[in-house]
């Protein structure tokens, strides 16, 4: 939350994506889509694709 409060949302997203990928948190397709949407709005969808979060989805 501190990163978001400091207007460093792209860095916060990067941390979130890497934590999810590292501990292999299962994601619903809807959750993955929301993360990808946020990354796209921030101009960094490659953060999500490079981390391979799509492999963690249920569909």
C-alpha atoms as a PDB file:
ATOM      1  CA  UNK A   1       0.000   0.000   0.000  1.00  0.00           C
ATOM      2  CA  UNK A   2       2.848   2.396   0.679  1.00  0.00           C
ATOM      3  CA  UNK A   3       3.924   2.206  -2.969  1.00  0.00           C
ATOM      4  CA  UNK A   4       0.412   2.977  -4.176  1.00  0.00           C
ATOM      5  CA  UNK A   5       0.129   5.862  -1.715  1.00  0.00           C
ATOM      6  CA  UNK A   6       3.450   7.206  -3.003  1.00  0.00           C
ATOM      7  CA  UNK A   7       2.078   7.122  -6.581  1.00  0.00           C
ATOM      8  CA  UNK A   8       4.366   4.254  -7.561  1.00  0.00           C
ATOM      9  CA  UNK A   9       1.586   1.987  -8.747  1.00  0.00           C
ATOM     10  CA  UNK A  10       3.656   0.429 -11.526  1.00  0.00           C
ATOM     11  CA  UNK A  11       6.254  -0.661  -8.970  1.00  0.00           C
ATOM     12  CA  UNK A  12       3.504  -1.955  -6.678  1.00  0.00           C
ATOM     13  CA  UNK A  13       2.055  -3.956  -9.572  1.00  0.00           C
ATOM     14  CA  UNK A  14       5.491  -5.357 -10.361  1.00  0.00           C
ATOM     15  CA  UNK A  15       5.918  -6.511  -6.760  1.00  0.00           C
ATOM     16  CA  UNK A  16       2.440  -8.044  -6.683  1.00  0.00           C
ATOM     17  CA  UNK A  17       2.970  -9.946  -9.927  1.00  0.00           C
ATOM     18  CA  UNK A  18       6.319 -11.333  -8.856  1.00  0.00           C
ATOM     19  CA  UNK A  19       5.038 -12.422  -5.444  1.00  0.00           C
ATOM     20  CA  UNK A  20       2.055 -14.180  -7.047  1.00  0.00           C
ATOM     21  CA  UNK A  21       4.342 -15.924  -9.530  1.00  0.00           C
ATOM     22  CA  UNK A  22       6.942 -16.856  -6.921  1.00  0.00           C
ATOM     23  CA  UNK A  23       4.523 -18.538  -4.535  1.00  0.00           C
ATOM     24  CA  UNK A  24       2.316 -19.789  -7.393  1.00  0.00           C
ATOM     25  CA  UNK A  25      -0.965 -18.382  -6.157  1.00  0.00           C
ATOM     26  CA  UNK A  26      -3.824 -19.898  -8.190  1.00  0.00           C
ATOM     27  CA  UNK A  27      -5.794 -17.161  -9.967  1.00  0.00           C
ATOM     28  CA  UNK A  28      -9.298 -17.115 -11.303  1.00  0.00           C
ATOM     29  CA  UNK A  29      -9.455 -15.981 -14.927  1.00  0.00           C
ATOM     30  CA  UNK A  30     -11.317 -12.854 -13.732  1.00  0.00           C
ATOM     31  CA  UNK A  31      -8.488 -12.010 -11.309  1.00  0.00           C
ATOM     32  CA  UNK A  32      -5.876 -12.461 -14.017  1.00  0.00           C
ATOM     33  CA  UNK A  33      -7.877 -10.233 -16.370  1.00  0.00           C
ATOM     34  CA  UNK A  34      -8.111  -7.498 -13.719  1.00  0.00           C
ATOM     35  CA  UNK A  35      -4.360  -7.621 -13.093  1.00  0.00           C
ATOM     36  CA  UNK A  36      -3.674  -7.505 -16.832  1.00  0.00           C
ATOM     37  CA  UNK A  37      -6.092  -4.606 -17.249  1.00  0.00           C
ATOM     38  CA  UNK A  38      -4.334  -2.630 -14.515  1.00  0.00           C
ATOM     39  CA  UNK A  39      -0.948  -3.399 -16.060  1.00  0.00           C
ATOM     40  CA  UNK A  40      -2.182  -2.279 -19.468  1.00  0.00           C
ATOM     41  CA  UNK A  41      -3.519   0.990 -18.039  1.00  0.00           C
ATOM     42  CA  UNK A  42      -0.119   1.578 -16.429  1.00  0.00           C
ATOM     43  CA  UNK A  43       1.620   0.808 -19.719  1.00  0.00           C
ATOM     44  CA  UNK A  44       3.405  -2.302 -18.511  1.00  0.00           C
ATOM     45  CA  UNK A  45       1.455  -5.421 -19.570  1.00  0.00           C
ATOM     46  CA  UNK A  46       4.764  -7.182 -20.163  1.00  0.00           C
ATOM     47  CA  UNK A  47       5.186  -7.313 -16.380  1.00  0.00           C
ATOM     48  CA  UNK A  48       2.302  -9.779 -16.218  1.00  0.00           C
ATOM     49  CA  UNK A  49       3.163 -11.786 -19.322  1.00  0.00           C
ATOM     50  CA  UNK A  50       6.858 -12.117 -18.467  1.00  0.00           C
ATOM     51  CA  UNK A  51       5.999 -13.379 -14.979  1.00  0.00           C
ATOM     52  CA  UNK A  52       3.846 -16.101 -16.546  1.00  0.00           C
ATOM     53  CA  UNK A  53       0.759 -15.439 -14.463  1.00  0.00           C
ATOM     54  CA  UNK A  54      -1.393 -16.943 -17.204  1.00  0.00           C
ATOM     55  CA  UNK A  55      -0.054 -20.368 -16.164  1.00  0.00           C
ATOM     56  CA  UNK A  56      -1.615 -19.852 -12.735  1.00  0.00           C
ATOM     57  CA  UNK A  57      -5.172 -19.338 -13.960  1.00  0.00           C
ATOM     58  CA  UNK A  58      -8.027 -21.779 -13.783  1.00  0.00           C
ATOM     59  CA  UNK A  59      -8.841 -21.529 -17.436  1.00  0.00           C
END
